[in-house]
N, C-alpha and C. Protein backbone atom coordinates (compact mmCIF):
# COMPACT_ATOMS: atom_id res chain seq x y z
N UNK A 1 -9.66 1.69 -5.46
CA UNK A 1 -9.98 0.38 -6.36
C UNK A 1 -10.10 -0.06 -5.08
N UNK A 2 -11.05 -1.22 -5.88
CA UNK A 2 -12.23 -2.44 -5.18
C UNK A 2 -10.90 -3.58 -4.85
N UNK A 3 -11.64 -4.60 -3.37
CA UNK A 3 -10.56 -5.97 -3.67
C UNK A 3 -10.62 -6.51 -4.29
N UNK A 4 -11.66 -7.13 -4.48
CA UNK A 4 -12.24 -7.18 -6.52
C UNK A 4 -11.62 -7.02 -7.27
N UNK A 5 -11.49 -6.02 -7.56
CA UNK A 5 -10.52 -5.19 -8.59
C UNK A 5 -9.18 -5.62 -8.64
N UNK A 6 -8.40 -5.44 -7.79
CA UNK A 6 -7.35 -6.05 -7.44
C UNK A 6 -7.40 -6.93 -7.45
N UNK A 7 -8.36 -8.33 -7.02
CA UNK A 7 -7.59 -10.41 -7.59
C UNK A 7 -7.81 -9.48 -9.07
N UNK A 8 -7.80 -9.35 -9.15
CA UNK A 8 -9.13 -8.90 -10.94
C UNK A 8 -6.89 -9.16 -12.41
N UNK A 9 -7.41 -7.97 -11.25
CA UNK A 9 -5.33 -7.21 -12.36
C UNK A 9 -4.23 -8.47 -10.89
N UNK A 10 -4.12 -8.46 -10.11
CA UNK A 10 -3.28 -10.28 -9.78
C UNK A 10 -3.29 -11.65 -10.00
N UNK A 11 -4.75 -12.10 -10.42
CA UNK A 11 -5.08 -12.91 -10.70
C UNK A 11 -4.21 -13.55 -12.42
N UNK A 12 -3.72 -13.35 -13.57
CA UNK A 12 -2.73 -13.32 -14.76
C UNK A 12 -1.11 -13.48 -13.70
N UNK A 13 -1.18 -13.20 -12.45
CA UNK A 13 0.90 -12.54 -12.67
C UNK A 13 1.24 -14.08 -11.66
N UNK A 14 2.96 -14.69 -11.86
CA UNK A 14 2.95 -15.67 -11.20
C UNK A 14 2.85 -15.70 -9.93
N UNK A 15 2.78 -16.95 -9.40
CA UNK A 15 1.66 -16.59 -7.89
C UNK A 15 3.08 -17.01 -6.80
N UNK A 16 4.40 -17.11 -7.29
CA UNK A 16 5.23 -17.07 -6.79
C UNK A 16 5.93 -15.12 -7.08
N UNK A 17 5.18 -14.66 -6.82
CA UNK A 17 5.79 -12.72 -7.52
C UNK A 17 5.69 -12.58 -6.89
N UNK A 18 6.86 -11.30 -6.59
CA UNK A 18 6.55 -10.45 -4.70
C UNK A 18 6.68 -9.63 -5.36
N UNK A 19 4.96 -9.30 -4.53
CA UNK A 19 4.42 -8.22 -4.08
C UNK A 19 5.11 -6.78 -4.53
N UNK A 20 5.12 -5.24 -4.10
CA UNK A 20 5.77 -4.11 -3.31
C UNK A 20 4.71 -3.23 -3.92
N UNK A 21 5.18 -2.33 -3.14
CA UNK A 21 4.10 -0.98 -4.02
C UNK A 21 4.70 0.40 -3.59
N UNK A 22 4.60 1.37 -5.25
CA UNK A 22 4.75 1.77 -5.27
C UNK A 22 4.43 2.89 -5.17
N UNK A 23 5.41 4.30 -4.52
CA UNK A 23 4.27 5.37 -4.32
C UNK A 23 5.87 6.59 -4.66
N UNK A 24 4.48 7.00 -5.80
CA UNK A 24 4.69 8.02 -6.61
C UNK A 24 4.18 9.69 -5.86
N UNK A 25 5.30 10.13 -6.38
CA UNK A 25 5.08 12.24 -5.58
C UNK A 25 6.02 12.74 -6.25
N UNK A 26 5.74 14.21 -6.50
CA UNK A 26 6.40 14.75 -7.09
C UNK A 26 7.96 14.86 -5.99
N UNK A 27 8.97 15.97 -6.95
CA UNK A 27 9.87 16.03 -6.13
C UNK A 27 9.94 17.40 -4.79
N UNK A 28 9.15 18.08 -6.00
CA UNK A 28 8.27 19.60 -5.37
C UNK A 28 7.62 19.89 -6.53
N UNK A 29 6.11 21.15 -5.29
CA UNK A 29 5.26 21.93 -6.24
C UNK A 29 5.12 21.65 -7.43
N UNK A 30 5.80 23.21 -7.87
CA UNK A 30 5.96 23.17 -9.85
C UNK A 30 7.54 22.59 -10.13
N UNK A 31 8.33 21.69 -10.16
CA UNK A 31 8.12 20.65 -10.95
C UNK A 31 8.01 19.57 -11.30
N UNK A 32 7.84 19.36 -12.98
CA UNK A 32 7.16 17.89 -13.42
C UNK A 32 7.99 16.63 -12.68
N UNK A 33 9.03 17.40 -11.94
CA UNK A 33 10.49 15.68 -11.32
C UNK A 33 9.20 14.49 -10.81
N UNK A 34 9.21 13.87 -10.61
CA UNK A 34 8.78 12.53 -9.56
C UNK A 34 9.74 11.85 -9.23
N UNK A 35 9.27 11.16 -7.73
CA UNK A 35 10.11 10.57 -6.45
C UNK A 35 9.52 8.68 -7.50
N UNK A 36 10.14 8.07 -6.96
CA UNK A 36 9.27 6.89 -6.72
C UNK A 36 10.38 5.84 -4.92
N UNK A 37 9.58 5.32 -4.29
CA UNK A 37 9.88 4.57 -3.21
C UNK A 37 8.95 3.73 -3.17
N UNK A 38 10.18 2.62 -3.34
CA UNK A 38 8.72 1.44 -3.78
C UNK A 38 9.59 0.32 -2.67
N UNK A 39 7.80 -0.07 -1.86
CA UNK A 39 8.06 -0.87 -0.21
C UNK A 39 7.53 -1.98 -0.46
N UNK A 40 8.04 -3.38 -0.41
CA UNK A 40 7.21 -5.39 -0.19
C UNK A 40 6.11 -4.94 0.94
N UNK A 41 4.96 -5.82 -0.02
CA UNK A 41 4.18 -5.63 1.27
C UNK A 41 4.06 -5.67 2.25
N UNK A 42 3.87 -5.71 3.77
CA UNK A 42 3.89 -6.33 4.15
C UNK A 42 3.14 -7.66 6.06
N UNK A 43 1.83 -6.50 5.21
CA UNK A 43 -0.07 -7.03 5.62
C UNK A 43 -0.18 -6.20 5.10
N UNK A 44 -1.02 -6.61 4.92
CA UNK A 44 -3.39 -5.42 5.69
C UNK A 44 -3.55 -5.30 6.33
N UNK A 45 -4.26 -4.54 6.34
CA UNK A 45 -5.01 -4.09 8.41
C UNK A 45 -6.52 -3.17 7.28
N UNK A 46 -7.83 -4.24 7.60
CA UNK A 46 -8.61 -3.68 7.57
C UNK A 46 -8.92 -2.04 7.84
N UNK A 47 -9.72 -1.85 8.04
CA UNK A 47 -9.09 0.37 8.88
C UNK A 47 -10.78 1.06 8.37
N UNK A 48 -11.89 1.64 8.92
CA UNK A 48 -12.52 1.82 9.11
C UNK A 48 -11.92 3.58 9.56
N UNK A 49 -12.10 4.44 8.66
CA UNK A 49 -12.12 5.73 9.44
C UNK A 49 -12.82 6.27 10.24
N UNK A 50 -13.21 7.41 11.32
CA UNK A 50 -14.00 7.61 12.64
C UNK A 50 -15.80 8.24 11.35
N UNK A 51 -14.92 8.80 10.82
CA UNK A 51 -16.89 9.18 10.06
C UNK A 51 -17.24 9.48 8.84
N UNK A 52 -16.71 7.53 8.53
CA UNK A 52 -17.38 6.98 7.83
C UNK A 52 -17.18 5.68 8.09
N UNK A 53 -18.18 4.73 7.38
CA UNK A 53 -18.70 3.08 8.04
C UNK A 53 -18.19 2.05 7.93
N UNK A 54 -17.83 3.26 6.06
CA UNK A 54 -17.12 2.01 4.65
C UNK A 54 -15.60 1.97 4.90
N UNK A 55 -16.37 0.34 5.77
CA UNK A 55 -14.51 -0.38 5.39
C UNK A 55 -13.38 -0.42 3.94
N UNK A 56 -11.94 0.89 4.78
CA UNK A 56 -10.70 -0.39 3.65
C UNK A 56 -10.06 -0.47 4.20
N UNK A 57 -8.68 -1.41 3.13
CA UNK A 57 -8.14 -2.15 3.33
C UNK A 57 -6.89 -1.73 3.50
N UNK A 58 -5.94 -1.46 3.77
CA UNK A 58 -4.61 -1.27 3.84
C UNK A 58 -3.77 -1.84 3.89
N UNK A 59 -3.52 -2.26 2.53
CA UNK A 59 -1.13 -2.38 2.15
C UNK A 59 -0.71 -1.87 2.84
N UNK A 60 -0.41 -2.84 3.58
CA UNK A 60 1.30 -1.60 4.78
C UNK A 60 2.46 -2.61 3.76
N UNK A 61 3.25 -1.77 4.03
CA UNK A 61 4.55 -1.74 3.73
C UNK A 61 5.72 -0.36 3.57
N UNK A 62 6.36 -0.56 3.94
CA UNK A 62 7.85 0.13 4.44
C UNK A 62 9.10 0.00 5.39
N UNK A 63 10.18 0.89 5.70
CA UNK A 63 10.38 -0.01 5.99
C UNK A 63 10.47 -0.83 7.51
N UNK A 64 11.61 -2.25 7.24
CA UNK A 64 11.21 -2.86 8.57
C UNK A 64 10.86 -2.28 9.87
N UNK A 65 12.11 -2.21 10.54
CA UNK A 65 11.73 -1.03 11.55
C UNK A 65 10.33 -0.21 11.12
N UNK A 66 9.97 0.24 11.08
CA UNK A 66 8.67 1.35 11.03
C UNK A 66 7.79 0.31 11.22
N UNK A 67 7.51 -1.04 9.95
CA UNK A 67 6.59 -1.67 9.27
C UNK A 67 5.70 -1.92 10.99
N UNK A 68 7.41 -2.57 11.59
CA UNK A 68 6.94 -3.32 13.08
C UNK A 68 6.36 -2.97 14.30
N UNK A 69 6.69 -1.24 13.85
CA UNK A 69 6.01 0.05 14.74
C UNK A 69 5.25 0.34 14.35
N UNK A 70 5.13 -0.14 13.58
CA UNK A 70 3.06 0.53 13.30
C UNK A 70 2.40 -0.96 13.68
N UNK A 71 2.73 -1.65 13.22
CA UNK A 71 1.98 -3.00 13.63
C UNK A 71 1.81 -3.95 15.28
N UNK A 72 3.15 -3.26 16.26
CA UNK A 72 2.50 -3.34 17.39
C UNK A 72 2.30 -1.89 18.25
N UNK A 73 2.30 -0.61 17.82
CA UNK A 73 1.27 0.31 17.93
C UNK A 73 -0.46 -0.19 17.92
N UNK A 74 -0.73 -0.65 16.89
CA UNK A 74 -1.79 -0.86 17.15
C UNK A 74 -2.71 -2.33 16.83
């Protein structure tokens, strides 16, 4: 997803609505069951992979202590 696409999707949403990141993953590889973990978006981080010159934007979220430790480490 491009930043412009995200902005377009959010444009019609209430400006005071909370933004969360929902991470969907299978419970087990061979089953159809899924789990959903929800996290508040606490910040964003521009990132460039070592093998690419393309800039990507990370939306950063998770448990408060984990996010703080991650952002402090960077």
